[in-house]
Amino acid sequence: MSLDVLTFGLNHVSAPVAVRERVSFPLELVKPALAALRTAFGASVREAAILSTCNRTEIYCAAEPAVGEQLPAWLAEFNRVEAGELVPHLYQYQRNDAVRHAFRVASGLDSMVLGEPQILGQMKSAVRAAEQAGALGTLLHQLFQRTFSVAKEVRSQTAIGAHSVSMAAAAVRLAERVLGDLSQSRVLFIGAGEMVQLCATHFAAARPLQLAVANRTLERAEQLAGQFDARTLKLSSLPEHLAEFDVVVSCTASSLPILGLGLVERAARIRRHRPMVMVDLAVPRDMEPEIGRLADIYLYTVDDLGRLVQSGNDARRAAVVQAEAIIEARVQHFMHWLSNREIVPAIVHYQHNAEALRQAELERARRLLARGDDPEAVLEYLAHSLTNKHLHGPLAALNRSEGVERNQLLSLLPRLLPEPGARRH
């Protein structure tokens, strides 16, 4: 059975963060998840890759079409989530729709921040993880190479990435809405990954009174802190220091919350109810959602920031039409490659039969030469025999045909048979 390109999952549009965090895949879980997926479906799933970010969890497969009906149940079972809670938030695409979706995701058209560039790097990381897990083959390799090429083309030929309002910039705006001028504020970053680095850059531009970085690995915290003249904290020391900060931005890969309700309640009492802005950019979340109920604590999740950045998308809407046209053309190119790939077995079979025929006629001609027949006559025989055998199949099919089928064959014959004197390249 031929394989389909298949994509399914959920994103910031189809599911809230409370659902997305339950099916996110930390980097260390991607390889065992791919192994479990291929074990569960055997030869029905030949290739697979998992893309998991704060805004989406998606699985790309080269699989038999029927697998699509079973994938949601597998995702729910693997993450220990009731299928009924998950299925309403899932989307699924096959063949050209799946290819189009991959191209749109990599180009930033499906992102919370329209045109944001981070998703392309995240997709490349997902592909590397799939390669390391031995889960990538010819079909998905070709898909993703073309995906990266399309994303580059869209970014270079359109203004889709211009005037971008990033999540990091939105975090600064939200803090300024609550606290006003940040020059007298102290800002704490928890984590040291790419998103925290972006946030630190934007907050540093607002010239706050102090910046600090807390991370599980103190060395990474010191590397980031050194870029912004910030202090460093051990993650274990947060209970003693949390009350010192007016803004807390967190984005770690922790599977459990780092900041709980009790810890923040104590910090709020110490602060005597001075407002504190808390920005949770992690999925799964770093901060317990109940924190948002506390007076004078302003808790924002990645979805809250997403709603804010939508206002910055209007300037880029015109570029979307141009980007979609580029993507549509590239989808057709990929589907043409895929359809050609599907007829390869038939071509190989045809070439094998032709080669067997050539070898048989050549051997007969050699025997005639070996017994002393005239070489000119042998060459004439060889050419005549090969021509007759070459024509036998098409002409026999034509003779057996009638009506519409005969007209179709007649229209195809000039394309199947070479012109006299035509050279093969």
Protein backbone atom coordinates (compact mmCIF):
# COMPACT_ATOMS: atom_id res chain seq x y z
CA MET A 1 0.00 0.00 0.00
CA SER A 2 1.28 3.49 -0.86
CA LEU A 3 2.17 5.89 1.93
CA ASP A 4 0.50 9.20 2.68
CA VAL A 5 2.04 12.29 4.19
CA LEU A 6 -0.01 12.78 7.34
CA THR A 7 0.03 15.49 10.02
CA PHE A 8 -2.03 15.74 13.16
CA GLY A 9 -1.88 17.62 16.43
CA LEU A 10 -3.08 20.76 18.15
CA ASN A 11 -1.95 24.36 18.42
CA HIS A 12 -2.69 27.72 20.07
CA VAL A 13 -5.80 28.14 17.92
CA SER A 14 -7.35 24.73 18.47
CA ALA A 15 -6.48 24.24 22.16
CA PRO A 16 -5.84 26.38 25.26
CA VAL A 17 -2.55 26.12 27.14
CA ALA A 18 -4.23 23.90 29.77
CA VAL A 19 -4.71 21.24 27.07
CA ARG A 20 -1.47 21.83 25.14
CA GLU A 21 0.70 21.33 28.21
CA ARG A 22 -0.76 17.86 28.75
CA VAL A 23 0.51 16.57 25.40
CA SER A 24 3.79 18.48 25.08
CA PHE A 25 6.96 16.49 24.49
CA PRO A 26 10.14 17.60 26.31
CA LEU A 27 13.23 17.01 24.19
CA GLU A 28 14.28 13.97 26.21
CA LEU A 29 10.87 12.35 25.57
CA VAL A 30 10.83 12.78 21.77
CA LYS A 31 13.04 9.79 20.95
CA PRO A 32 11.14 7.29 23.16
CA ALA A 33 7.85 8.71 21.88
CA LEU A 34 8.90 8.11 18.27
CA ALA A 35 9.98 4.58 19.16
CA ALA A 36 6.65 3.93 20.89
CA LEU A 37 4.72 5.31 17.92
CA ARG A 38 6.49 3.10 15.40
CA THR A 39 6.23 0.07 17.67
CA ALA A 40 2.49 0.64 18.11
CA PHE A 41 1.77 0.84 14.38
CA GLY A 42 4.55 -1.29 12.92
CA ALA A 43 4.97 -1.00 9.14
CA SER A 44 1.87 1.18 8.92
CA VAL A 45 3.99 4.14 10.11
CA ARG A 46 7.27 4.07 8.18
CA GLU A 47 8.58 7.52 9.18
CA ALA A 48 7.70 10.07 11.86
CA ALA A 49 8.79 13.34 13.46
CA ILE A 50 7.43 15.23 16.48
CA LEU A 51 7.31 19.03 16.66
CA SER A 52 6.55 20.24 20.19
CA THR A 53 6.70 23.93 21.19
CA CYS A 54 4.83 26.15 23.62
CA ASN A 55 2.26 26.79 20.87
CA ARG A 56 1.84 23.38 19.25
CA THR A 57 2.36 19.64 19.38
CA GLU A 58 2.32 18.03 15.94
CA ILE A 59 3.28 14.62 14.58
CA TYR A 60 4.34 14.27 10.95
CA CYS A 61 4.17 10.77 9.46
CA ALA A 62 4.77 8.83 6.29
CA ALA A 63 2.04 6.29 6.92
CA GLU A 64 -0.75 4.21 5.46
CA PRO A 65 -3.92 6.35 5.16
CA ALA A 66 -5.94 4.26 7.64
CA VAL A 67 -3.50 5.12 10.46
CA GLY A 68 -4.99 8.61 10.71
CA GLU A 69 -8.07 7.30 12.47
CA GLN A 70 -5.98 5.66 15.22
CA LEU A 71 -3.38 8.36 15.92
CA PRO A 72 -5.50 10.51 18.26
CA ALA A 73 -6.11 7.52 20.54
CA TRP A 74 -2.36 6.78 20.58
CA LEU A 75 -1.50 10.39 21.50
CA ALA A 76 -4.05 10.37 24.32
CA GLU A 77 -2.87 7.02 25.69
CA PHE A 78 0.83 7.91 25.51
CA ASN A 79 0.23 11.14 27.47
CA ARG A 80 -2.31 9.54 29.84
CA VAL A 81 -5.09 11.88 28.78
CA GLU A 82 -8.71 10.89 28.22
CA ALA A 83 -9.28 10.73 24.47
CA GLY A 84 -12.59 12.57 24.87
CA GLU A 85 -10.79 15.55 26.39
CA LEU A 86 -8.22 15.68 23.61
CA VAL A 87 -10.01 14.81 20.36
CA PRO A 88 -12.11 18.02 20.09
CA HIS A 89 -8.89 20.06 19.94
CA LEU A 90 -7.05 17.96 17.32
CA TYR A 91 -6.71 18.64 13.61
CA GLN A 92 -5.48 16.25 10.95
CA TYR A 93 -4.24 16.73 7.38
CA GLN A 94 -3.32 14.26 4.64
CA ARG A 95 -1.32 14.44 1.41
CA ASN A 96 -1.27 17.94 -0.15
CA ASP A 97 -3.08 19.44 2.88
CA ALA A 98 -0.41 18.01 5.19
CA VAL A 99 2.37 19.35 2.96
CA ARG A 100 0.73 22.77 2.82
CA HIS A 101 0.41 22.81 6.61
CA ALA A 102 4.12 22.01 7.07
CA PHE A 103 5.09 24.81 4.68
CA ARG A 104 2.79 27.30 6.45
CA VAL A 105 4.09 26.37 9.90
CA ALA A 106 7.76 26.78 8.91
CA SER A 107 6.99 30.08 7.18
CA GLY A 108 5.39 31.54 10.30
CA LEU A 109 1.88 31.75 8.79
CA ASP A 110 0.43 29.42 11.41
CA SER A 111 2.17 31.05 14.38
CA MET A 112 0.69 33.03 17.23
CA VAL A 113 3.08 35.81 16.16
CA LEU A 114 2.58 36.02 12.40
CA GLY A 115 5.91 35.64 10.62
CA GLU A 116 7.96 34.86 13.74
CA PRO A 117 11.25 33.14 12.86
CA GLN A 118 11.72 30.90 15.93
CA ILE A 119 9.41 28.17 14.62
CA LEU A 120 11.77 27.37 11.75
CA GLY A 121 14.61 26.61 14.18
CA GLN A 122 12.24 24.53 16.31
CA MET A 123 11.19 22.52 13.27
CA LYS A 124 14.83 21.92 12.31
CA SER A 125 15.47 20.66 15.87
CA ALA A 126 12.50 18.29 15.52
CA VAL A 127 13.94 16.92 12.28
CA ARG A 128 17.36 16.38 13.87
CA ALA A 129 15.72 14.51 16.75
CA ALA A 130 13.82 12.29 14.28
CA GLU A 131 17.04 11.58 12.37
CA GLN A 132 18.86 10.65 15.57
CA ALA A 133 15.98 8.35 16.49
CA GLY A 134 16.21 6.62 13.09
CA ALA A 135 12.61 7.64 12.34
CA LEU A 136 13.27 9.74 9.23
CA GLY A 137 13.29 8.27 5.73
CA THR A 138 13.25 9.45 2.13
CA LEU A 139 9.72 10.87 2.11
CA LEU A 140 9.86 13.01 5.26
CA HIS A 141 13.46 13.99 4.56
CA GLN A 142 12.36 15.36 1.21
CA LEU A 143 9.32 17.04 2.78
CA PHE A 144 11.32 18.86 5.43
CA GLN A 145 14.13 19.92 3.08
CA ARG A 146 11.53 21.49 0.84
CA THR A 147 9.79 22.96 3.89
CA PHE A 148 12.96 24.77 4.96
CA SER A 149 13.52 25.99 1.40
CA VAL A 150 9.95 27.35 1.19
CA ALA A 151 10.32 29.14 4.53
CA LYS A 152 13.50 30.81 3.30
CA GLU A 153 11.80 31.82 0.05
CA VAL A 154 8.80 33.28 1.86
CA ARG A 155 10.97 35.27 4.25
CA SER A 156 13.23 36.63 1.50
CA GLN A 157 10.51 37.48 -1.02
CA THR A 158 7.73 38.83 1.23
CA ALA A 159 7.41 41.21 4.16
CA ILE A 160 5.85 38.52 6.36
CA GLY A 161 8.49 39.02 9.08
CA ALA A 162 8.47 42.82 9.00
CA HIS A 163 7.17 44.86 11.94
CA SER A 164 7.04 41.75 14.09
CA VAL A 165 5.66 42.13 17.59
CA SER A 166 7.35 39.29 19.45
CA MET A 167 6.24 37.50 22.59
CA ALA A 168 9.21 39.07 24.37
CA ALA A 169 8.14 42.58 23.36
CA ALA A 170 4.58 41.79 24.44
CA ALA A 171 5.84 40.75 27.89
CA VAL A 172 7.50 44.15 28.32
CA ARG A 173 4.31 45.92 27.24
CA LEU A 174 2.21 44.00 29.75
CA ALA A 175 4.66 44.81 32.54
CA GLU A 176 4.57 48.49 31.61
CA ARG A 177 0.77 48.47 31.62
CA VAL A 178 0.79 47.35 35.24
CA LEU A 179 3.90 49.05 36.60
CA GLY A 180 4.39 51.99 34.26
CA ASP A 181 8.03 53.02 33.81
CA LEU A 182 10.23 49.99 34.52
CA SER A 183 13.32 52.00 35.50
CA GLN A 184 12.65 51.36 39.21
CA SER A 185 11.62 47.72 38.79
CA ARG A 186 13.53 44.53 39.48
CA VAL A 187 13.11 41.75 36.91
CA LEU A 188 13.76 38.03 37.46
CA PHE A 189 14.17 35.54 34.63
CA ILE A 190 13.73 31.84 35.40
CA GLY A 191 15.43 29.63 32.80
CA ALA A 192 18.18 30.39 30.32
CA GLY A 193 16.81 29.21 26.97
CA GLU A 194 16.18 31.11 23.75
CA MET A 195 12.87 32.65 24.85
CA VAL A 196 14.32 33.91 28.13
CA GLN A 197 17.27 35.38 26.23
CA LEU A 198 14.88 37.26 23.95
CA CYS A 199 12.89 38.53 26.91
CA ALA A 200 16.06 39.62 28.72
CA THR A 201 17.10 41.61 25.64
CA HIS A 202 13.77 43.45 25.51
CA PHE A 203 13.57 44.12 29.25
CA ALA A 204 17.19 45.31 29.34
CA ALA A 205 16.27 47.94 26.74
CA ALA A 206 13.75 49.37 29.26
CA ARG A 207 16.68 49.94 31.69
CA PRO A 208 15.14 48.40 34.84
CA LEU A 209 16.77 48.88 38.24
CA GLN A 210 18.00 45.28 38.33
CA LEU A 211 17.99 42.07 36.27
CA ALA A 212 18.49 38.59 37.73
CA VAL A 213 18.64 35.08 36.29
CA ALA A 214 17.75 31.83 38.07
CA ASN A 215 18.37 28.48 36.46
CA ARG A 216 18.90 24.86 37.49
CA THR A 217 22.38 25.01 35.97
CA LEU A 218 24.21 27.94 37.52
CA GLU A 219 26.78 27.99 34.71
CA ARG A 220 24.12 28.72 32.09
CA ALA A 221 22.58 31.36 34.35
CA GLU A 222 25.96 33.07 34.64
CA GLN A 223 26.44 33.01 30.85
CA LEU A 224 23.13 34.77 30.30
CA ALA A 225 23.59 37.15 33.24
CA GLY A 226 26.98 38.19 31.90
CA GLN A 227 25.35 39.57 28.76
CA PHE A 228 23.13 41.96 30.71
CA ASP A 229 25.13 42.73 33.85
CA ALA A 230 22.56 40.74 35.83
CA ARG A 231 22.89 38.85 39.12
CA THR A 232 22.40 35.10 39.34
CA LEU A 233 20.36 33.01 41.74
CA LYS A 234 20.12 29.34 42.47
CA LEU A 235 16.70 27.98 41.65
CA SER A 236 16.53 26.55 45.15
CA SER A 237 16.86 30.05 46.64
CA LEU A 238 13.69 31.43 45.03
CA PRO A 239 11.63 31.18 48.27
CA GLU A 240 14.04 33.63 49.96
CA HIS A 241 14.31 36.09 47.07
CA LEU A 242 11.04 36.02 45.08
CA ALA A 243 9.53 38.97 46.99
CA GLU A 244 12.36 41.23 45.82
CA PHE A 245 11.16 41.25 42.21
CA ASP A 246 8.43 43.27 40.52
CA VAL A 247 8.46 41.22 37.31
CA VAL A 248 9.04 37.46 37.00
CA VAL A 249 9.41 35.88 33.56
CA SER A 250 9.70 32.10 33.41
CA CYS A 251 10.27 29.65 30.57
CA THR A 252 11.83 26.30 31.49
CA ALA A 253 11.46 22.71 30.30
CA SER A 254 10.22 21.55 33.70
CA SER A 255 7.35 19.07 33.57
CA LEU A 256 6.01 20.39 36.91
CA PRO A 257 5.32 23.96 38.11
CA ILE A 258 8.32 25.76 39.63
CA LEU A 259 6.31 28.48 41.34
CA GLY A 260 3.39 27.31 43.45
CA LEU A 261 0.50 29.20 45.01
CA GLY A 262 1.91 29.05 48.55
CA LEU A 263 5.31 30.42 47.53
CA VAL A 264 3.78 33.38 45.69
CA GLU A 265 1.32 34.05 48.54
CA ARG A 266 4.24 34.44 50.96
CA ALA A 267 6.03 36.74 48.53
CA ALA A 268 2.89 38.88 48.14
CA ARG A 269 2.60 39.30 51.93
CA ILE A 270 6.25 40.33 52.20
CA ARG A 271 5.74 42.85 49.41
CA ARG A 272 2.75 44.28 51.30
CA HIS A 273 0.62 43.92 48.19
CA ARG A 274 2.80 45.94 45.85
CA PRO A 275 1.86 44.67 42.36
CA MET A 276 3.89 41.88 40.81
CA VAL A 277 3.77 40.92 37.12
CA MET A 278 4.34 37.22 36.44
CA VAL A 279 4.79 36.02 32.85
CA ASP A 280 4.67 32.27 32.27
CA LEU A 281 5.92 31.40 28.78
CA ALA A 282 6.42 27.69 29.45
CA VAL A 283 4.34 24.75 28.23
CA PRO A 284 3.80 22.84 30.48
CA ARG A 285 3.35 25.87 32.72
CA ASP A 286 5.99 26.91 35.26
CA MET A 287 3.45 28.69 37.47
CA GLU A 288 0.35 27.21 39.04
CA PRO A 289 -2.70 28.84 37.40
CA GLU A 290 -4.27 29.52 40.84
CA ILE A 291 -1.63 32.24 41.33
CA GLY A 292 -3.65 34.45 39.02
CA ARG A 293 -6.43 34.67 41.63
CA LEU A 294 -4.22 36.48 44.14
CA ALA A 295 -4.77 40.19 44.64
CA ASP A 296 -2.00 42.37 43.18
CA ILE A 297 -0.49 39.42 41.27
CA TYR A 298 -0.84 39.86 37.51
CA LEU A 299 -0.27 36.45 35.93
CA TYR A 300 -0.02 36.15 32.14
CA THR A 301 0.37 32.92 30.13
CA VAL A 302 1.67 32.41 26.62
CA ASP A 303 -1.93 32.61 25.36
CA ASP A 304 -2.45 36.00 27.02
CA LEU A 305 0.62 37.35 25.27
CA GLY A 306 -0.61 35.85 22.02
CA ARG A 307 -3.78 37.91 22.16
CA LEU A 308 -1.69 41.04 22.61
CA VAL A 309 0.61 40.36 19.66
CA GLN A 310 -2.33 39.91 17.29
CA SER A 311 -2.60 43.69 17.14
CA GLY A 312 0.82 43.78 15.50
CA ASN A 313 -0.21 41.42 12.73
CA ASP A 314 -2.23 43.88 10.65
CA ALA A 315 0.85 45.43 9.02
CA ARG A 316 1.84 42.00 7.71
CA ARG A 317 -1.53 40.79 6.45
CA ALA A 318 -0.87 41.98 2.90
CA ALA A 319 2.25 39.80 2.74
CA VAL A 320 0.21 36.70 3.61
CA VAL A 321 -1.44 36.55 0.18
CA GLN A 322 1.97 36.61 -1.51
CA ALA A 323 3.34 34.00 0.91
CA GLU A 324 0.36 31.71 0.35
CA ALA A 325 0.90 31.87 -3.43
CA ILE A 326 4.53 30.82 -3.02
CA ILE A 327 3.50 27.97 -0.71
CA GLU A 328 0.77 26.75 -3.07
CA ALA A 329 3.22 26.53 -5.98
CA ARG A 330 5.71 24.60 -3.86
CA VAL A 331 2.98 22.22 -2.64
CA GLN A 332 2.22 21.33 -6.25
CA HIS A 333 5.93 20.72 -6.90
CA PHE A 334 6.16 18.36 -3.93
CA MET A 335 3.01 16.47 -4.90
CA HIS A 336 4.43 16.04 -8.41
CA TRP A 337 7.60 14.57 -6.89
CA LEU A 338 5.50 12.30 -4.67
CA SER A 339 3.35 11.05 -7.57
CA ASN A 340 6.48 10.34 -9.61
CA ARG A 341 7.92 8.44 -6.65
CA GLU A 342 4.81 6.25 -6.54
CA ILE A 343 5.31 5.04 -10.14
CA VAL A 344 8.98 4.17 -9.60
CA PRO A 345 8.23 0.44 -8.96
CA ALA A 346 6.33 0.25 -12.26
CA ILE A 347 9.17 1.97 -14.12
CA VAL A 348 11.75 -0.33 -12.55
CA HIS A 349 9.66 -3.38 -13.52
CA TYR A 350 9.32 -2.11 -17.09
CA GLN A 351 13.06 -1.41 -17.33
CA HIS A 352 13.86 -4.87 -15.92
CA ASN A 353 11.70 -6.57 -18.56
CA ALA A 354 13.23 -4.44 -21.31
CA GLU A 355 16.73 -5.32 -20.15
CA ALA A 356 15.87 -9.03 -20.06
CA LEU A 357 14.54 -8.75 -23.63
CA ARG A 358 17.70 -6.95 -24.78
CA GLN A 359 19.96 -9.55 -23.20
CA ALA A 360 17.99 -12.42 -24.79
CA GLU A 361 18.13 -10.90 -28.30
CA LEU A 362 21.78 -9.94 -27.93
CA GLU A 363 22.68 -13.50 -26.89
CA ARG A 364 20.81 -14.89 -29.92
CA ALA A 365 22.72 -12.49 -32.21
CA ARG A 366 26.04 -13.58 -30.70
CA ARG A 367 25.20 -17.23 -31.37
CA LEU A 368 24.45 -16.39 -35.01
CA LEU A 369 27.78 -14.60 -35.33
CA ALA A 370 29.58 -17.51 -33.63
CA ARG A 371 28.30 -19.97 -36.23
CA GLY A 372 29.58 -17.75 -39.01
CA ASP A 373 26.44 -15.89 -40.23
CA ASP A 374 26.98 -12.64 -42.16
CA PRO A 375 27.43 -9.78 -39.58
CA GLU A 376 25.28 -7.41 -41.69
CA ALA A 377 22.45 -9.93 -41.72
CA VAL A 378 22.79 -10.50 -37.96
CA LEU A 379 22.60 -6.76 -37.30
CA GLU A 380 19.50 -6.52 -39.50
CA TYR A 381 17.95 -9.43 -37.64
CA LEU A 382 18.77 -7.89 -34.24
CA ALA A 383 17.29 -4.49 -35.12
CA HIS A 384 14.18 -6.09 -36.65
CA SER A 385 13.61 -8.42 -33.68
CA LEU A 386 14.04 -5.71 -31.05
CA THR A 387 11.69 -3.37 -32.96
CA ASN A 388 8.97 -6.00 -33.26
CA LYS A 389 9.16 -6.92 -29.59
CA HIS A 390 9.20 -3.24 -28.60
CA LEU A 391 6.04 -2.58 -30.64
CA HIS A 392 4.22 -5.79 -29.77
CA GLY A 393 2.79 -4.63 -26.40
CA PRO A 394 1.38 -1.24 -27.50
CA LEU A 395 0.04 -2.56 -30.84
CA ALA A 396 -1.57 -5.62 -29.24
CA ALA A 397 -3.28 -3.39 -26.67
CA LEU A 398 -4.48 -1.11 -29.47
CA ASN A 399 -5.89 -4.03 -31.46
CA ARG A 400 -7.79 -5.34 -28.44
CA SER A 401 -9.25 -1.92 -27.54
CA GLU A 402 -12.50 -0.31 -28.62
CA GLY A 403 -14.27 3.05 -28.36
CA VAL A 404 -13.01 5.48 -25.74
CA GLU A 405 -10.13 3.22 -24.70
CA ARG A 406 -8.90 3.01 -28.31
CA ASN A 407 -9.03 6.81 -28.70
CA GLN A 408 -7.06 7.20 -25.46
CA LEU A 409 -4.39 4.75 -26.64
CA LEU A 410 -4.15 6.44 -30.02
CA SER A 411 -3.53 9.79 -28.33
CA LEU A 412 -0.84 8.24 -26.09
CA LEU A 413 1.09 6.30 -28.76
CA PRO A 414 2.94 9.32 -30.20
CA ARG A 415 4.15 10.19 -26.69
CA LEU A 416 5.22 6.61 -25.86
CA LEU A 417 7.07 5.83 -29.07
CA PRO A 418 10.24 7.77 -30.00
CA GLU A 419 10.33 9.93 -33.12
CA PRO A 420 12.55 8.59 -35.96
CA GLY A 421 16.05 9.91 -35.53
CA ALA A 422 15.36 11.19 -31.97
CA ARG A 423 18.39 11.11 -29.68
CA ARG A 424 18.20 9.87 -26.10
CA HIS A 425 19.65 12.26 -23.49
